[in-house]
Amino acid sequence: YFENQVRRAIQDFRMFTPDDRILVAVSGGKDSLVLWEVLLRL
C-alpha cells in the first residue's frame, strides 16, 4: 500500500520518469530515508 501511494503520487503529479536522475535530500531521519528506500525499490 505504502509503495503504491508513492507510485501514485509520482504518476498523478508527473514528478519524474525512470530515465530521470534523482537526488534525494536526506537528513538521517525517517522520512527522507524511507523516500530513498522506496525510490530504490521502485
PDB file of all heavy atoms in Angstrom:
ATOM      1  N   TYR A   1       0.837  -1.207   0.000  1.00  0.00           N
ATOM      2  CA  TYR A   1       0.000   0.000   0.000  1.00  0.00           C
ATOM      3  C   TYR A   1       0.866   1.250   0.000  1.00  0.00           C
ATOM      4  O   TYR A   1       0.637   2.190  -0.780  1.00  0.00           O
ATOM      5  CB  TYR A   1      -0.913  -0.002   1.233  1.00  0.00           C
ATOM      6  CG  TYR A   1      -1.303   1.364   1.726  1.00  0.00           C
ATOM      7  CD1 TYR A   1      -2.334   2.078   1.127  1.00  0.00           C
ATOM      8  CD2 TYR A   1      -0.617   1.951   2.805  1.00  0.00           C
ATOM      9  CE1 TYR A   1      -2.680   3.346   1.578  1.00  0.00           C
ATOM     10  CE2 TYR A   1      -0.959   3.212   3.258  1.00  0.00           C
ATOM     11  CZ  TYR A   1      -1.992   3.899   2.642  1.00  0.00           C
ATOM     12  OH  TYR A   1      -2.326   5.162   3.086  1.00  0.00           O
ATOM     13  N   PHE A   2       1.872   1.275   0.872  1.00  0.00           N
ATOM     14  CA  PHE A   2       2.739   2.447   1.008  1.00  0.00           C
ATOM     15  C   PHE A   2       3.454   2.749  -0.309  1.00  0.00           C
ATOM     16  O   PHE A   2       3.447   3.887  -0.803  1.00  0.00           O
ATOM     17  CB  PHE A   2       3.758   2.197   2.123  1.00  0.00           C
ATOM     18  CG  PHE A   2       4.543   3.410   2.516  1.00  0.00           C
ATOM     19  CD1 PHE A   2       4.202   4.137   3.642  1.00  0.00           C
ATOM     20  CD2 PHE A   2       5.643   3.830   1.770  1.00  0.00           C
ATOM     21  CE1 PHE A   2       4.930   5.266   4.027  1.00  0.00           C
ATOM     22  CE2 PHE A   2       6.380   4.958   2.138  1.00  0.00           C
ATOM     23  CZ  PHE A   2       6.011   5.672   3.262  1.00  0.00           C
ATOM     24  N   GLU A   3       4.064   1.732  -0.887  1.00  0.00           N
ATOM     25  CA  GLU A   3       4.814   1.927  -2.132  1.00  0.00           C
ATOM     26  C   GLU A   3       3.882   2.328  -3.276  1.00  0.00           C
ATOM     27  O   GLU A   3       4.264   3.120  -4.147  1.00  0.00           O
ATOM     28  CB  GLU A   3       5.604   0.664  -2.455  1.00  0.00           C
ATOM     29  CG  GLU A   3       6.751   0.445  -1.465  1.00  0.00           C
ATOM     30  CD  GLU A   3       7.360  -0.942  -1.528  1.00  0.00           C
ATOM     31  OE1 GLU A   3       7.062  -1.690  -2.494  1.00  0.00           O
ATOM     32  OE2 GLU A   3       8.135  -1.300  -0.607  1.00  0.00           O
ATOM     33  N   ASN A   4       2.660   1.821  -3.256  1.00  0.00           N
ATOM     34  CA  ASN A   4       1.696   2.199  -4.284  1.00  0.00           C
ATOM     35  C   ASN A   4       1.275   3.661  -4.151  1.00  0.00           C
ATOM     36  O   ASN A   4       1.036   4.338  -5.158  1.00  0.00           O
ATOM     37  CB  ASN A   4       0.460   1.298  -4.218  1.00  0.00           C
ATOM     38  CG  ASN A   4      -0.476   1.525  -5.390  1.00  0.00           C
ATOM     39  OD1 ASN A   4      -0.085   1.417  -6.544  1.00  0.00           O
ATOM     40  ND2 ASN A   4      -1.725   1.870  -5.093  1.00  0.00           N
ATOM     41  N   GLN A   5       1.189   4.146  -2.904  1.00  0.00           N
ATOM     42  CA  GLN A   5       0.857   5.553  -2.685  1.00  0.00           C
ATOM     43  C   GLN A   5       1.963   6.467  -3.223  1.00  0.00           C
ATOM     44  O   GLN A   5       1.689   7.531  -3.787  1.00  0.00           O
ATOM     45  CB  GLN A   5       0.624   5.826  -1.197  1.00  0.00           C
ATOM     46  CG  GLN A   5      -0.646   5.224  -0.624  1.00  0.00           C
ATOM     47  CD  GLN A   5      -1.892   5.834  -1.238  1.00  0.00           C
ATOM     48  OE1 GLN A   5      -2.060   7.047  -1.290  1.00  0.00           O
ATOM     49  NE2 GLN A   5      -2.782   4.971  -1.725  1.00  0.00           N
ATOM     50  N   VAL A   6       3.217   6.063  -3.053  1.00  0.00           N
ATOM     51  CA  VAL A   6       4.334   6.826  -3.613  1.00  0.00           C
ATOM     52  C   VAL A   6       4.280   6.776  -5.137  1.00  0.00           C
ATOM     53  O   VAL A   6       4.414   7.802  -5.818  1.00  0.00           O
ATOM     54  CB  VAL A   6       5.691   6.281  -3.109  1.00  0.00           C
ATOM     55  CG1 VAL A   6       6.849   7.019  -3.786  1.00  0.00           C
ATOM     56  CG2 VAL A   6       5.797   6.422  -1.588  1.00  0.00           C
ATOM     57  N   ARG A   7       4.062   5.576  -5.664  1.00  0.00           N
ATOM     58  CA  ARG A   7       3.963   5.412  -7.123  1.00  0.00           C
ATOM     59  C   ARG A   7       2.832   6.275  -7.681  1.00  0.00           C
ATOM     60  O   ARG A   7       2.982   6.929  -8.721  1.00  0.00           O
ATOM     61  CB  ARG A   7       3.719   3.937  -7.449  1.00  0.00           C
ATOM     62  CG  ARG A   7       3.780   3.616  -8.933  1.00  0.00           C
ATOM     63  CD  ARG A   7       3.452   2.157  -9.204  1.00  0.00           C
ATOM     64  NE  ARG A   7       4.489   1.249  -8.707  1.00  0.00           N
ATOM     65  CZ  ARG A   7       4.335   0.450  -7.657  1.00  0.00           C
ATOM     66  NH1 ARG A   7       3.202   0.452  -6.971  1.00  0.00           N
ATOM     67  NH2 ARG A   7       5.311  -0.344  -7.287  1.00  0.00           N
ATOM     68  N   ARG A   8       1.714   6.302  -6.974  1.00  0.00           N
ATOM     69  CA  ARG A   8       0.566   7.079  -7.444  1.00  0.00           C
ATOM     70  C   ARG A   8       0.865   8.575  -7.442  1.00  0.00           C
ATOM     71  O   ARG A   8       0.497   9.301  -8.368  1.00  0.00           O
ATOM     72  CB  ARG A   8      -0.647   6.780  -6.564  1.00  0.00           C
ATOM     73  CG  ARG A   8      -1.910   7.493  -7.018  1.00  0.00           C
ATOM     74  CD  ARG A   8      -3.114   7.041  -6.220  1.00  0.00           C
ATOM     75  NE  ARG A   8      -4.274   7.864  -6.534  1.00  0.00           N
ATOM     76  CZ  ARG A   8      -5.449   7.734  -5.934  1.00  0.00           C
ATOM     77  NH1 ARG A   8      -5.622   6.805  -5.008  1.00  0.00           N
ATOM     78  NH2 ARG A   8      -6.453   8.519  -6.259  1.00  0.00           N
ATOM     79  N   ALA A   9       1.531   9.057  -6.392  1.00  0.00           N
ATOM     80  CA  ALA A   9       1.898  10.480  -6.324  1.00  0.00           C
ATOM     81  C   ALA A   9       2.821  10.845  -7.485  1.00  0.00           C
ATOM     82  O   ALA A   9       2.656  11.883  -8.124  1.00  0.00           O
ATOM     83  CB  ALA A   9       2.555  10.804  -4.989  1.00  0.00           C
ATOM     84  N   ILE A  10       3.792   9.983  -7.760  1.00  0.00           N
ATOM     85  CA  ILE A  10       4.736  10.232  -8.857  1.00  0.00           C
ATOM     86  C   ILE A  10       3.994  10.318 -10.181  1.00  0.00           C
ATOM     87  O   ILE A  10       4.250  11.208 -11.000  1.00  0.00           O
ATOM     88  CB  ILE A  10       5.805   9.120  -8.905  1.00  0.00           C
ATOM     89  CG1 ILE A  10       6.704   9.189  -7.660  1.00  0.00           C
ATOM     90  CG2 ILE A  10       6.660   9.241 -10.174  1.00  0.00           C
ATOM     91  CD1 ILE A  10       7.597   7.970  -7.483  1.00  0.00           C
ATOM     92  N   GLN A  11       3.055   9.403 -10.391  1.00  0.00           N
ATOM     93  CA  GLN A  11       2.321   9.357 -11.660  1.00  0.00           C
ATOM     94  C   GLN A  11       1.297  10.484 -11.768  1.00  0.00           C
ATOM     95  O   GLN A  11       1.212  11.163 -12.796  1.00  0.00           O
ATOM     96  CB  GLN A  11       1.636   8.001 -11.807  1.00  0.00           C
ATOM     97  CG  GLN A  11       2.609   6.839 -11.978  1.00  0.00           C
ATOM     98  CD  GLN A  11       1.933   5.481 -11.939  1.00  0.00           C
ATOM     99  OE1 GLN A  11       0.762   5.354 -11.573  1.00  0.00           O
ATOM    100  NE2 GLN A  11       2.671   4.443 -12.305  1.00  0.00           N
ATOM    101  N   ASP A  12       0.499  10.690 -10.703  1.00  0.00           N
ATOM    102  CA  ASP A  12      -0.573  11.691 -10.761  1.00  0.00           C
ATOM    103  C   ASP A  12      -0.032  13.098 -10.985  1.00  0.00           C
ATOM    104  O   ASP A  12      -0.637  13.899 -11.704  1.00  0.00           O
ATOM    105  CB  ASP A  12      -1.405  11.662  -9.470  1.00  0.00           C
ATOM    106  CG  ASP A  12      -2.310  10.443  -9.389  1.00  0.00           C
ATOM    107  OD1 ASP A  12      -2.379   9.685 -10.385  1.00  0.00           O
ATOM    108  OD2 ASP A  12      -2.943  10.238  -8.332  1.00  0.00           O
ATOM    109  N   PHE A  13       1.106  13.406 -10.337  1.00  0.00           N
ATOM    110  CA  PHE A  13       1.667  14.747 -10.449  1.00  0.00           C
ATOM    111  C   PHE A  13       2.818  14.817 -11.455  1.00  0.00           C
ATOM    112  O   PHE A  13       3.481  15.849 -11.554  1.00  0.00           O
ATOM    113  CB  PHE A  13       2.129  15.240  -9.077  1.00  0.00           C
ATOM    114  CG  PHE A  13       1.004  15.451  -8.107  1.00  0.00           C
ATOM    115  CD1 PHE A  13       0.745  14.533  -7.092  1.00  0.00           C
ATOM    116  CD2 PHE A  13       0.174  16.561  -8.213  1.00  0.00           C
ATOM    117  CE1 PHE A  13      -0.302  14.717  -6.199  1.00  0.00           C
ATOM    118  CE2 PHE A  13      -0.874  16.753  -7.321  1.00  0.00           C
ATOM    119  CZ  PHE A  13      -1.117  15.828  -6.319  1.00  0.00           C
ATOM    120  N   ARG A  14       3.042  13.699 -12.184  1.00  0.00           N
ATOM    121  CA  ARG A  14       4.070  13.649 -13.221  1.00  0.00           C
ATOM    122  C   ARG A  14       5.404  14.187 -12.707  1.00  0.00           C
ATOM    123  O   ARG A  14       6.004  15.101 -13.279  1.00  0.00           O
ATOM    124  CB  ARG A  14       3.616  14.440 -14.454  1.00  0.00           C
ATOM    125  CG  ARG A  14       2.338  13.895 -15.065  1.00  0.00           C
ATOM    126  CD  ARG A  14       1.862  14.722 -16.234  1.00  0.00           C
ATOM    127  NE  ARG A  14       0.604  14.193 -16.773  1.00  0.00           N
ATOM    128  CZ  ARG A  14      -0.073  14.759 -17.762  1.00  0.00           C
ATOM    129  NH1 ARG A  14       0.374  15.878 -18.316  1.00  0.00           N
ATOM    130  NH2 ARG A  14      -1.200  14.231 -18.187  1.00  0.00           N
ATOM    131  N   MET A  15       5.868  13.580 -11.604  1.00  0.00           N
ATOM    132  CA  MET A  15       7.061  14.070 -10.932  1.00  0.00           C
ATOM    133  C   MET A  15       8.343  13.779 -11.706  1.00  0.00           C
ATOM    134  O   MET A  15       9.213  14.636 -11.835  1.00  0.00           O
ATOM    135  CB  MET A  15       7.150  13.474  -9.527  1.00  0.00           C
ATOM    136  CG  MET A  15       6.042  13.950  -8.600  1.00  0.00           C
ATOM    137  SD  MET A  15       6.225  13.294  -6.927  1.00  0.00           S
ATOM    138  CE  MET A  15       4.880  14.156  -6.105  1.00  0.00           C
ATOM    139  N   PHE A  16       8.477  12.538 -12.201  1.00  0.00           N
ATOM    140  CA  PHE A  16       9.671  12.154 -12.942  1.00  0.00           C
ATOM    141  C   PHE A  16       9.418  10.823 -13.618  1.00  0.00           C
ATOM    142  O   PHE A  16       8.383  10.175 -13.409  1.00  0.00           O
ATOM    143  CB  PHE A  16      10.907  12.072 -12.038  1.00  0.00           C
ATOM    144  CG  PHE A  16      10.675  11.398 -10.713  1.00  0.00           C
ATOM    145  CD1 PHE A  16      10.594  10.014 -10.623  1.00  0.00           C
ATOM    146  CD2 PHE A  16      10.550  12.137  -9.552  1.00  0.00           C
ATOM    147  CE1 PHE A  16      10.373   9.382  -9.411  1.00  0.00           C
ATOM    148  CE2 PHE A  16      10.331  11.518  -8.329  1.00  0.00           C
ATOM    149  CZ  PHE A  16      10.247  10.140  -8.256  1.00  0.00           C
ATOM    150  N   THR A  17      10.370  10.416 -14.448  1.00  0.00           N
ATOM    151  CA  THR A  17      10.274   9.146 -15.177  1.00  0.00           C
ATOM    152  C   THR A  17      11.480   8.276 -14.801  1.00  0.00           C
ATOM    153  O   THR A  17      12.444   8.761 -14.193  1.00  0.00           O
ATOM    154  CB  THR A  17      10.288   9.382 -16.698  1.00  0.00           C
ATOM    155  OG1 THR A  17      11.615   9.799 -17.091  1.00  0.00           O
ATOM    156  CG2 THR A  17       9.281  10.462 -17.095  1.00  0.00           C
ATOM    157  N   PRO A  18      11.461   6.995 -15.174  1.00  0.00           N
ATOM    158  CA  PRO A  18      12.609   6.125 -14.883  1.00  0.00           C
ATOM    159  C   PRO A  18      13.901   6.596 -15.526  1.00  0.00           C
ATOM    160  O   PRO A  18      14.993   6.181 -15.108  1.00  0.00           O
ATOM    161  CB  PRO A  18      12.159   4.770 -15.451  1.00  0.00           C
ATOM    162  CG  PRO A  18      10.673   4.805 -15.397  1.00  0.00           C
ATOM    163  CD  PRO A  18      10.306   6.229 -15.710  1.00  0.00           C
ATOM    164  N   ASP A  19      13.812   7.454 -16.542  1.00  0.00           N
ATOM    165  CA  ASP A  19      15.024   7.943 -17.207  1.00  0.00           C
ATOM    166  C   ASP A  19      15.670   9.113 -16.469  1.00  0.00           C
ATOM    167  O   ASP A  19      16.816   9.471 -16.760  1.00  0.00           O
ATOM    168  CB  ASP A  19      14.694   8.385 -18.638  1.00  0.00           C
ATOM    169  CG  ASP A  19      14.270   7.220 -19.518  1.00  0.00           C
ATOM    170  OD1 ASP A  19      14.773   6.110 -19.299  1.00  0.00           O
ATOM    171  OD2 ASP A  19      13.419   7.434 -20.404  1.00  0.00           O
ATOM    172  N   ASP A  20      14.954   9.724 -15.536  1.00  0.00           N
ATOM    173  CA  ASP A  20      15.472  10.886 -14.816  1.00  0.00           C
ATOM    174  C   ASP A  20      16.442  10.474 -13.722  1.00  0.00           C
ATOM    175  O   ASP A  20      16.255   9.448 -13.051  1.00  0.00           O
ATOM    176  CB  ASP A  20      14.323  11.684 -14.188  1.00  0.00           C
ATOM    177  CG  ASP A  20      13.502  12.422 -15.222  1.00  0.00           C
ATOM    178  OD1 ASP A  20      14.082  12.916 -16.199  1.00  0.00           O
ATOM    179  OD2 ASP A  20      12.268  12.502 -15.043  1.00  0.00           O
ATOM    180  N   ARG A  21      17.458  11.302 -13.512  1.00  0.00           N
ATOM    181  CA  ARG A  21      18.384  11.124 -12.386  1.00  0.00           C
ATOM    182  C   ARG A  21      17.855  11.943 -11.220  1.00  0.00           C
ATOM    183  O   ARG A  21      17.617  13.145 -11.342  1.00  0.00           O
ATOM    184  CB  ARG A  21      19.799  11.572 -12.747  1.00  0.00           C
ATOM    185  CG  ARG A  21      20.438  10.716 -13.844  1.00  0.00           C
ATOM    186  CD  ARG A  21      21.880  11.157 -14.099  1.00  0.00           C
ATOM    187  NE  ARG A  21      22.731  10.919 -12.945  1.00  0.00           N
ATOM    188  CZ  ARG A  21      23.436  11.862 -12.319  1.00  0.00           C
ATOM    189  NH1 ARG A  21      23.377  13.133 -12.737  1.00  0.00           N
ATOM    190  NH2 ARG A  21      24.193  11.565 -11.283  1.00  0.00           N
ATOM    191  N   ILE A  22      17.676  11.280 -10.075  1.00  0.00           N
ATOM    192  CA  ILE A  22      17.029  11.899  -8.920  1.00  0.00           C
ATOM    193  C   ILE A  22      18.028  12.061  -7.778  1.00  0.00           C
ATOM    194  O   ILE A  22      18.779  11.133  -7.467  1.00  0.00           O
ATOM    195  CB  ILE A  22      15.844  11.028  -8.436  1.00  0.00           C
ATOM    196  CG1 ILE A  22      14.860  10.790  -9.587  1.00  0.00           C
ATOM    197  CG2 ILE A  22      15.137  11.682  -7.257  1.00  0.00           C
ATOM    198  CD1 ILE A  22      13.920   9.632  -9.347  1.00  0.00           C
ATOM    199  N   LEU A  23      18.029  13.227  -7.170  1.00  0.00           N
ATOM    200  CA  LEU A  23      18.843  13.483  -5.984  1.00  0.00           C
ATOM    201  C   LEU A  23      17.892  13.624  -4.800  1.00  0.00           C
ATOM    202  O   LEU A  23      17.038  14.509  -4.785  1.00  0.00           O
ATOM    203  CB  LEU A  23      19.660  14.767  -6.157  1.00  0.00           C
ATOM    204  CG  LEU A  23      20.668  15.079  -5.048  1.00  0.00           C
ATOM    205  CD1 LEU A  23      21.731  13.989  -4.949  1.00  0.00           C
ATOM    206  CD2 LEU A  23      21.330  16.441  -5.278  1.00  0.00           C
ATOM    207  N   VAL A  24      18.026  12.730  -3.831  1.00  0.00           N
ATOM    208  CA  VAL A  24      17.151  12.727  -2.656  1.00  0.00           C
ATOM    209  C   VAL A  24      17.843  13.450  -1.510  1.00  0.00           C
ATOM    210  O   VAL A  24      18.940  13.064  -1.088  1.00  0.00           O
ATOM    211  CB  VAL A  24      16.795  11.291  -2.213  1.00  0.00           C
ATOM    212  CG1 VAL A  24      15.830  11.323  -1.033  1.00  0.00           C
ATOM    213  CG2 VAL A  24      16.193  10.502  -3.369  1.00  0.00           C
ATOM    214  N   ALA A  25      17.230  14.507  -0.999  1.00  0.00           N
ATOM    215  CA  ALA A  25      17.783  15.224   0.151  1.00  0.00           C
ATOM    216  C   ALA A  25      17.530  14.392   1.404  1.00  0.00           C
ATOM    217  O   ALA A  25      16.381  14.176   1.791  1.00  0.00           O
ATOM    218  CB  ALA A  25      17.113  16.593   0.275  1.00  0.00           C
ATOM    219  N   VAL A  26      18.592  13.900   2.024  1.00  0.00           N
ATOM    220  CA  VAL A  26      18.439  13.033   3.195  1.00  0.00           C
ATOM    221  C   VAL A  26      19.019  13.707   4.433  1.00  0.00           C
ATOM    222  O   VAL A  26      20.041  14.385   4.381  1.00  0.00           O
ATOM    223  CB  VAL A  26      19.102  11.652   2.983  1.00  0.00           C
ATOM    224  CG1 VAL A  26      18.395  10.887   1.888  1.00  0.00           C
ATOM    225  CG2 VAL A  26      20.572  11.778   2.652  1.00  0.00           C
ATOM    226  N   SER A  27      18.336  13.499   5.555  1.00  0.00           N
ATOM    227  CA  SER A  27      18.748  14.108   6.816  1.00  0.00           C
ATOM    228  C   SER A  27      19.173  13.079   7.848  1.00  0.00           C
ATOM    229  O   SER A  27      19.668  13.446   8.918  1.00  0.00           O
ATOM    230  CB  SER A  27      17.579  14.914   7.391  1.00  0.00           C
ATOM    231  OG  SER A  27      16.501  14.041   7.707  1.00  0.00           O
ATOM    232  N   GLY A  28      18.960  11.798   7.542  1.00  0.00           N
ATOM    233  CA  GLY A  28      19.186  10.752   8.538  1.00  0.00           C
ATOM    234  C   GLY A  28      17.918  10.418   9.285  1.00  0.00           C
ATOM    235  O   GLY A  28      17.885   9.468  10.079  1.00  0.00           O
ATOM    236  N   GLY A  29      16.847  11.187   9.041  1.00  0.00           N
ATOM    237  CA  GLY A  29      15.564  10.935   9.674  1.00  0.00           C
ATOM    238  C   GLY A  29      14.726   9.948   8.871  1.00  0.00           C
ATOM    239  O   GLY A  29      15.082   9.544   7.767  1.00  0.00           O
ATOM    240  N   LYS A  30      13.571   9.579   9.439  1.00  0.00           N
ATOM    241  CA  LYS A  30      12.765   8.509   8.838  1.00  0.00           C
ATOM    242  C   LYS A  30      12.202   8.872   7.469  1.00  0.00           C
ATOM    243  O   LYS A  30      12.200   8.038   6.553  1.00  0.00           O
ATOM    244  CB  LYS A  30      11.619   8.109   9.777  1.00  0.00           C
ATOM    245  CG  LYS A  30      10.600   9.209  10.030  1.00  0.00           C
ATOM    246  CD  LYS A  30       9.532   8.769  11.001  1.00  0.00           C
ATOM    247  CE  LYS A  30       8.464   9.831  11.184  1.00  0.00           C
ATOM    248  NZ  LYS A  30       8.997  11.158  11.578  1.00  0.00           N
ATOM    249  N   ASP A  31      11.705  10.095   7.309  1.00  0.00           N
ATOM    250  CA  ASP A  31      11.014  10.440   6.066  1.00  0.00           C
ATOM    251  C   ASP A  31      11.941  10.392   4.862  1.00  0.00           C
ATOM    252  O   ASP A  31      11.613   9.797   3.836  1.00  0.00           O
ATOM    253  CB  ASP A  31      10.376  11.835   6.188  1.00  0.00           C
ATOM    254  CG  ASP A  31       9.361  11.901   7.316  1.00  0.00           C
ATOM    255  OD1 ASP A  31       8.495  11.016   7.368  1.00  0.00           O
ATOM    256  OD2 ASP A  31       9.441  12.820   8.148  1.00  0.00           O
ATOM    257  N   SER A  32      13.097  11.030   4.964  1.00  0.00           N
ATOM    258  CA  SER A  32      13.994  11.082   3.819  1.00  0.00           C
ATOM    259  C   SER A  32      14.603   9.720   3.503  1.00  0.00           C
ATOM    260  O   SER A  32      14.750   9.351   2.335  1.00  0.00           O
ATOM    261  CB  SER A  32      15.092  12.120   4.050  1.00  0.00           C
ATOM    262  OG  SER A  32      15.837  11.834   5.219  1.00  0.00           O
ATOM    263  N   LEU A  33      14.931   8.934   4.543  1.00  0.00           N
ATOM    264  CA  LEU A  33      15.494   7.608   4.291  1.00  0.00           C
ATOM    265  C   LEU A  33      14.441   6.662   3.731  1.00  0.00           C
ATOM    266  O   LEU A  33      14.738   5.835   2.860  1.00  0.00           O
ATOM    267  CB  LEU A  33      16.116   7.040   5.571  1.00  0.00           C
ATOM    268  CG  LEU A  33      17.367   7.765   6.083  1.00  0.00           C
ATOM    269  CD1 LEU A  33      17.921   7.069   7.322  1.00  0.00           C
ATOM    270  CD2 LEU A  33      18.447   7.852   5.003  1.00  0.00           C
ATOM    271  N   VAL A  34      13.210   6.772   4.202  1.00  0.00           N
ATOM    272  CA  VAL A  34      12.125   5.955   3.646  1.00  0.00           C
ATOM    273  C   VAL A  34      11.900   6.310   2.183  1.00  0.00           C
ATOM    274  O   VAL A  34      11.733   5.427   1.332  1.00  0.00           O
ATOM    275  CB  VAL A  34      10.830   6.144   4.461  1.00  0.00           C
ATOM    276  CG1 VAL A  34       9.607   5.675   3.672  1.00  0.00           C
ATOM    277  CG2 VAL A  34      10.911   5.373   5.776  1.00  0.00           C
ATOM    278  N   LEU A  35      11.903   7.600   1.866  1.00  0.00           N
ATOM    279  CA  LEU A  35      11.731   8.006   0.472  1.00  0.00           C
ATOM    280  C   LEU A  35      12.823   7.401  -0.395  1.00  0.00           C
ATOM    281  O   LEU A  35      12.543   6.849  -1.481  1.00  0.00           O
ATOM    282  CB  LEU A  35      11.752   9.530   0.359  1.00  0.00           C
ATOM    283  CG  LEU A  35      11.752  10.085  -1.067  1.00  0.00           C
ATOM    284  CD1 LEU A  35      10.532   9.617  -1.845  1.00  0.00           C
ATOM    285  CD2 LEU A  35      11.845  11.608  -1.053  1.00  0.00           C
ATOM    286  N   TRP A  36      14.065   7.505   0.034  1.00  0.00           N
ATOM    287  CA  TRP A  36      15.180   6.955  -0.734  1.00  0.00           C
ATOM    288  C   TRP A  36      15.014   5.452  -0.909  1.00  0.00           C
ATOM    289  O   TRP A  36      15.195   4.916  -2.007  1.00  0.00           O
ATOM    290  CB  TRP A  36      16.494   7.286  -0.024  1.00  0.00           C
ATOM    291  CG  TRP A  36      17.717   7.150  -0.879  1.00  0.00           C
ATOM    292  CD1 TRP A  36      17.777   6.870  -2.227  1.00  0.00           C
ATOM    293  CD2 TRP A  36      19.074   7.301  -0.447  1.00  0.00           C
ATOM    294  NE1 TRP A  36      19.086   6.837  -2.657  1.00  0.00           N
ATOM    295  CE2 TRP A  36      19.902   7.101  -1.589  1.00  0.00           C
ATOM    296  CE3 TRP A  36      19.665   7.590   0.784  1.00  0.00           C
ATOM    297  CZ2 TRP A  36      21.291   7.175  -1.518  1.00  0.00           C
ATOM    298  CZ3 TRP A  36      21.063   7.674   0.858  1.00  0.00           C
ATOM    299  CH2 TRP A  36      21.859   7.468  -0.288  1.00  0.00           C
ATOM    300  N   GLU A  37      14.624   4.765   0.159  1.00  0.00           N
ATOM    301  CA  GLU A  37      14.415   3.315   0.102  1.00  0.00           C
ATOM    302  C   GLU A  37      13.349   2.943  -0.932  1.00  0.00           C
ATOM    303  O   GLU A  37      13.542   2.046  -1.755  1.00  0.00           O
ATOM    304  CB  GLU A  37      13.991   2.800   1.482  1.00  0.00           C
ATOM    305  CG  GLU A  37      13.563   1.346   1.531  1.00  0.00           C
ATOM    306  CD  GLU A  37      14.726   0.369   1.518  1.00  0.00           C
ATOM    307  OE1 GLU A  37      15.893   0.818   1.597  1.00  0.00           O
ATOM    308  OE2 GLU A  37      14.472  -0.846   1.428  1.00  0.00           O
ATOM    309  N   VAL A  38      12.223   3.633  -0.891  1.00  0.00           N
ATOM    310  CA  VAL A  38      11.125   3.309  -1.805  1.00  0.00           C
ATOM    311  C   VAL A  38      11.527   3.579  -3.256  1.00  0.00           C
ATOM    312  O   VAL A  38      11.243   2.767  -4.154  1.00  0.00           O
ATOM    313  CB  VAL A  38       9.852   4.098  -1.442  1.00  0.00           C
ATOM    314  CG1 VAL A  38       8.768   3.895  -2.496  1.00  0.00           C
ATOM    315  CG2 VAL A  38       9.333   3.658  -0.081  1.00  0.00           C
ATOM    316  N   LEU A  39      12.189   4.695  -3.509  1.00  0.00           N
ATOM    317  CA  LEU A  39      12.604   5.004  -4.880  1.00  0.00           C
ATOM    318  C   LEU A  39      13.577   3.957  -5.410  1.00  0.00           C
ATOM    319  O   LEU A  39      13.506   3.562  -6.577  1.00  0.00           O
ATOM    320  CB  LEU A  39      13.230   6.397  -4.947  1.00  0.00           C
ATOM    321  CG  LEU A  39      12.284   7.573  -4.680  1.00  0.00           C
ATOM    322  CD1 LEU A  39      13.016   8.895  -4.859  1.00  0.00           C
ATOM    323  CD2 LEU A  39      11.059   7.522  -5.578  1.00  0.00           C
ATOM    324  N   LEU A  40      14.484   3.486  -4.548  1.00  0.00           N
ATOM    325  CA  LEU A  40      15.408   2.432  -4.967  1.00  0.00           C
ATOM    326  C   LEU A  40      14.650   1.137  -5.240  1.00  0.00           C
ATOM    327  O   LEU A  40      14.914   0.440  -6.226  1.00  0.00           O
ATOM    328  CB  LEU A  40      16.473   2.211  -3.889  1.00  0.00           C
ATOM    329  CG  LEU A  40      17.501   3.341  -3.707  1.00  0.00           C
ATOM    330  CD1 LEU A  40      18.388   3.068  -2.499  1.00  0.00           C
ATOM    331  CD2 LEU A  40      18.360   3.515  -4.962  1.00  0.00           C
ATOM    332  N   ARG A  41      13.683   0.819  -4.379  1.00  0.00           N
ATOM    333  CA  ARG A  41      12.890  -0.403  -4.569  1.00  0.00           C
ATOM    334  C   ARG A  41      12.066  -0.340  -5.853  1.00  0.00           C
ATOM    335  O   ARG A  41      11.835  -1.365  -6.496  1.00  0.00           O
ATOM    336  CB  ARG A  41      11.946  -0.615  -3.379  1.00  0.00           C
ATOM    337  CG  ARG A  41      12.636  -1.062  -2.099  1.00  0.00           C
ATOM    338  CD  ARG A  41      11.608  -1.469  -1.063  1.00  0.00           C
ATOM    339  NE  ARG A  41      12.226  -1.923   0.168  1.00  0.00           N
ATOM    340  CZ  ARG A  41      11.704  -2.836   0.982  1.00  0.00           C
ATOM    341  NH1 ARG A  41      10.539  -3.383   0.689  1.00  0.00           N
ATOM    342  NH2 ARG A  41      12.321  -3.182   2.085  1.00  0.00           N
ATOM    343  N   LEU A  42      11.618   0.853  -6.208  1.00  0.00           N
ATOM    344  CA  LEU A  42      10.810   1.014  -7.413  1.00  0.00           C
ATOM    345  C   LEU A  42      11.666   1.103  -8.681  1.00  0.00           C
ATOM    346  O   LEU A  42      11.128   1.220  -9.782  1.00  0.00           O
ATOM    347  CB  LEU A  42       9.929   2.261  -7.298  1.00  0.00           C
ATOM    348  CG  LEU A  42       8.842   2.218  -6.214  1.00  0.00           C
ATOM    349  CD1 LEU A  42       8.063   3.530  -6.196  1.00  0.00           C
ATOM    350  CD2 LEU A  42       7.895   1.041  -6.420  1.00  0.00           C
TER     351      LEU A  42
END
